[in-house]
C-alpha atoms as a PDB file:
ATOM      1  CA  MET A   1       0.003   0.006   0.004  1.00  0.00           C
ATOM      2  CA  ASP A   2       1.269   3.461  -0.854  1.00  0.00           C
ATOM      3  CA  VAL A   3       0.469   6.518   1.188  1.00  0.00           C
ATOM      4  CA  ARG A   4       0.915   9.949  -0.324  1.00  0.00           C
ATOM      5  CA  LEU A   5       1.639  12.738   2.075  1.00  0.00           C
ATOM      6  CA  THR A   6       2.180  16.414   1.267  1.00  0.00           C
ATOM      7  CA  LEU A   7       4.340  18.224   3.781  1.00  0.00           C
ATOM      8  CA  PRO A   8       5.137  21.932   4.062  1.00  0.00           C
ATOM      9  CA  ASP A   9       8.603  22.954   2.869  1.00  0.00           C
ATOM     10  CA  GLU A  10       9.887  23.740   6.377  1.00  0.00           C
ATOM     11  CA  MET A  11       9.004  20.196   7.484  1.00  0.00           C
ATOM     12  CA  LEU A  12      10.793  18.712   4.503  1.00  0.00           C
ATOM     13  CA  GLU A  13      13.877  20.775   5.369  1.00  0.00           C
ATOM     14  CA  ALA A  14      13.718  19.623   8.986  1.00  0.00           C
ATOM     15  CA  LEU A  15      13.473  15.980   7.898  1.00  0.00           C
ATOM     16  CA  GLY A  16      16.790  16.261   6.056  1.00  0.00           C
ATOM     17  CA  PRO A  17      18.066  14.503   2.952  1.00  0.00           C
ATOM     18  CA  ASP A  18      15.873  11.374   3.293  1.00  0.00           C
ATOM     19  CA  PRO A  19      12.397  12.633   4.291  1.00  0.00           C
ATOM     20  CA  GLU A  20      10.647   9.353   3.455  1.00  0.00           C
ATOM     21  CA  ARG A  21      12.855   7.360   5.823  1.00  0.00           C
ATOM     22  CA  GLU A  22      12.599  10.006   8.565  1.00  0.00           C
ATOM     23  CA  THR A  23       8.803  10.095   8.239  1.00  0.00           C
ATOM     24  CA  LEU A  24       8.623   6.293   8.402  1.00  0.00           C
ATOM     25  CA  GLU A  25      10.861   6.161  11.480  1.00  0.00           C
ATOM     26  CA  GLY A  26       8.838   8.907  13.171  1.00  0.00           C
ATOM     27  CA  LEU A  27       5.603   7.027  12.568  1.00  0.00           C
ATOM     28  CA  LEU A  28       7.115   3.764  13.834  1.00  0.00           C
ATOM     29  CA  LEU A  29       8.427   5.534  16.970  1.00  0.00           C
ATOM     30  CA  LEU A  30       4.935   6.869  17.623  1.00  0.00           C
ATOM     31  CA  LEU A  31       3.278   3.474  17.157  1.00  0.00           C
ATOM     32  CA  VAL A  32       5.827   1.652  19.327  1.00  0.00           C
ATOM     33  CA  GLY A  33       5.586   4.352  22.014  1.00  0.00           C
ATOM     34  CA  GLU A  34       1.801   3.986  22.094  1.00  0.00           C
ATOM     35  CA  GLY A  35       2.087   0.191  22.328  1.00  0.00           C
ATOM     36  CA  ARG A  36       0.340  -0.319  19.000  1.00  0.00           C
ATOM     37  CA  LEU A  37       3.361  -1.959  17.358  1.00  0.00           C
ATOM     38  CA  SER A  38       6.223  -4.024  18.751  1.00  0.00           C
ATOM     39  CA  VAL A  39       9.838  -2.897  18.542  1.00  0.00           C
ATOM     40  CA  GLU A  40      10.619  -6.118  16.674  1.00  0.00           C
ATOM     41  CA  ARG A  41       7.997  -5.391  14.015  1.00  0.00           C
ATOM     42  CA  ALA A  42       9.196  -1.815  13.637  1.00  0.00           C
ATOM     43  CA  GLY A  43      12.734  -3.156  13.148  1.00  0.00           C
ATOM     44  CA  ALA A  44      11.509  -5.557  10.480  1.00  0.00           C
ATOM     45  CA  VAL A  45       9.725  -2.735   8.626  1.00  0.00           C
ATOM     46  CA  LEU A  46      12.993  -0.747   8.712  1.00  0.00           C
ATOM     47  CA  GLY A  47      14.954  -3.741   7.430  1.00  0.00           C
ATOM     48  CA  LEU A  48      16.933  -4.290  10.631  1.00  0.00           C
ATOM     49  CA  GLU A  49      18.351  -7.771  11.060  1.00  0.00           C
ATOM     50  CA  ASP A  50      17.176  -8.797  14.515  1.00  0.00           C
ATOM     51  CA  ARG A  51      15.492  -7.823  17.766  1.00  0.00           C
ATOM     52  CA  GLU A  52      18.722  -6.464  19.270  1.00  0.00           C
ATOM     53  CA  GLN A  53      19.236  -4.043  16.378  1.00  0.00           C
ATOM     54  CA  ALA A  54      15.601  -2.957  16.688  1.00  0.00           C
ATOM     55  CA  GLU A  55      16.015  -2.319  20.426  1.00  0.00           C
ATOM     56  CA  HIS A  56      19.191  -0.305  19.804  1.00  0.00           C
ATOM     57  CA  TRP A  57      17.411   1.732  17.101  1.00  0.00           C
ATOM     58  CA  TYR A  58      14.477   2.469  19.413  1.00  0.00           C
ATOM     59  CA  ALA A  59      16.682   3.338  22.400  1.00  0.00           C
ATOM     60  CA  ARG A  60      18.920   5.573  20.294  1.00  0.00           C
ATOM     61  CA  ARG A  61      16.017   7.437  18.684  1.00  0.00           C
ATOM     62  CA  THR A  62      14.055   7.918  21.920  1.00  0.00           C
ATOM     63  CA  MET A  63      17.209   8.907  23.820  1.00  0.00           C
ATOM     64  CA  SER A  64      18.015  11.545  21.219  1.00  0.00           C
ATOM     65  CA  ARG A  65      14.570  13.084  21.756  1.00  0.00           C
ATOM     66  CA  ARG A  66      15.027  13.142  25.546  1.00  0.00           C
ATOM     67  CA  THR A  67      18.565  14.506  25.258  1.00  0.00           C
ATOM     68  CA  ALA A  68      17.348  17.323  23.037  1.00  0.00           C
ATOM     69  CA  GLU A  69      14.838  18.308  25.732  1.00  0.00           C
ATOM     70  CA  VAL A  70      17.579  18.472  28.387  1.00  0.00           C
ATOM     71  CA  SER A  71      20.000  21.248  27.506  1.00  0.00           C
ATOM     72  CA  GLU A  72      22.628  20.495  30.140  1.00  0.00           C
ATOM     73  CA  ASP A  73      23.901  17.468  32.014  1.00  0.00           C
ATOM     74  CA  PRO A  74      26.090  18.951  34.752  1.00  0.00           C
ATOM     75  CA  ASP A  75      26.450  15.694  36.690  1.00  0.00           C
ATOM     76  CA  GLY A  76      27.129  13.561  33.632  1.00  0.00           C
ATOM     77  CA  THR A  77      24.237  11.251  34.545  1.00  0.00           C
ATOM     78  CA  GLN A  78      22.777  10.953  31.033  1.00  0.00           C
ATOM     79  CA  GLU A  79      24.216   7.504  30.363  1.00  0.00           C
ATOM     80  CA  HIS A  80      22.822   5.781  27.274  1.00  0.00           C
ATOM     81  CA  VAL A  81      21.663   2.294  28.219  1.00  0.00           C
ATOM     82  CA  SER A  82      20.199  -0.047  25.659  1.00  0.00           C
ATOM     83  CA  PRO A  83      17.637  -2.560  26.991  1.00  0.00           C
ATOM     84  CA  GLY A  84      19.851  -5.419  25.799  1.00  0.00           C
ATOM     85  CA  ASP A  85      22.882  -4.043  27.695  1.00  0.00           C
ATOM     86  CA  PHE A  86      21.176  -3.548  31.045  1.00  0.00           C
ATOM     87  CA  THR A  87      22.792  -5.399  33.933  1.00  0.00           C
ATOM     88  CA  GLN A  88      22.835  -5.027  37.702  1.00  0.00           C
ATOM     89  CA  GLU A  89      26.230  -3.295  37.464  1.00  0.00           C
ATOM     90  CA  ILE A  90      24.703  -0.168  35.912  1.00  0.00           C
ATOM     91  CA  PRO A  91      22.550   0.753  38.955  1.00  0.00           C
ATOM     92  CA  LYS A  92      25.461  -0.053  41.289  1.00  0.00           C
ATOM     93  CA  ARG A  93      27.857   2.388  39.611  1.00  0.00           C
ATOM     94  CA  SER A  94      25.366   5.102  38.747  1.00  0.00           C
ATOM     95  CA  ARG A  95      24.766   8.080  41.035  1.00  0.00           C
ATOM     96  CA  ARG A  96      21.294   8.748  39.684  1.00  0.00           C
ATOM     97  CA  PHE A  97      19.632   5.826  41.456  1.00  0.00           C
ATOM     98  CA  LEU A  98      18.058   6.522  44.815  1.00  0.00           C
ATOM     99  CA  ARG A  99      19.776   4.860  47.744  1.00  0.00           C
ATOM    100  CA  ILE A 100      17.585   4.652  50.838  1.00  0.00           C
ATOM    101  CA  THR A 101      19.174   4.111  54.221  1.00  0.00           C
ATOM    102  CA  PRO A 102      16.803   2.588  56.771  1.00  0.00           C
ATOM    103  CA  ALA A 103      15.907   4.858  59.689  1.00  0.00           C
ATOM    104  CA  ALA A 104      17.020   3.877  63.158  1.00  0.00           C
ATOM    105  CA  LYS A 105      13.432   4.322  64.366  1.00  0.00           C
ATOM    106  CA  GLY A 106      10.181   4.377  62.415  1.00  0.00           C
ATOM    107  CA  SER A 107       8.071   7.477  61.830  1.00  0.00           C
ATOM    108  CA  GLY A 108       5.135   6.121  63.771  1.00  0.00           C
ATOM    109  CA  LEU A 109       2.872   6.037  60.720  1.00  0.00           C
ATOM    110  CA  SER A 110       1.687   2.643  59.546  1.00  0.00           C
ATOM    111  CA  ASP A 111       0.609   1.419  56.128  1.00  0.00           C
ATOM    112  CA  VAL A 112       1.508   4.719  54.454  1.00  0.00           C
ATOM    113  CA  SER A 113       2.871   2.974  51.376  1.00  0.00           C
ATOM    114  CA  ILE A 114      -0.111   0.640  51.141  1.00  0.00           C
ATOM    115  CA  ASN A 115      -2.727   3.357  51.694  1.00  0.00           C
ATOM    116  CA  HIS A 116      -0.787   6.246  50.144  1.00  0.00           C
ATOM    117  CA  ASP A 117      -3.761   7.661  48.215  1.00  0.00           C
ATOM    118  CA  GLN A 118      -5.893   7.920  51.339  1.00  0.00           C
ATOM    119  CA  TYR A 119      -2.950   9.229  53.348  1.00  0.00           C
ATOM    120  CA  LEU A 120      -2.206  12.000  50.824  1.00  0.00           C
ATOM    121  CA  ALA A 121      -5.871  12.932  50.422  1.00  0.00           C
ATOM    122  CA  GLU A 122      -6.241  13.408  54.159  1.00  0.00           C
ATOM    123  CA  ASP A 123      -3.083  15.506  54.264  1.00  0.00           C
ATOM    124  CA  VAL A 124      -4.548  18.129  51.864  1.00  0.00           C
END
């Protein structure tokens, strides 16, 4: 099936030298992000060889969007992690993960985590 799409000139300029490919990738990113298409299927449409390549493509493209939204990274915490590369060592060496030290004595409140909605509503 062919789809014909007419885009304004400024959009064509923004898409760069291969607007058809960029448009296809943008549509696939949208569909995968909404859960309407799997990463594997998107990779197959793009002609990628396997699931790992598809995951790297998706991680790279979504990371580039997030990185563009964040202008600075003063702590150097924007580490690119592909889903296939994730191991327990990454959280251990990263400073951006929350480390909670148990309190010597409790706060006196019970079931706050279980009943957090009720607890927060009463606090308002």
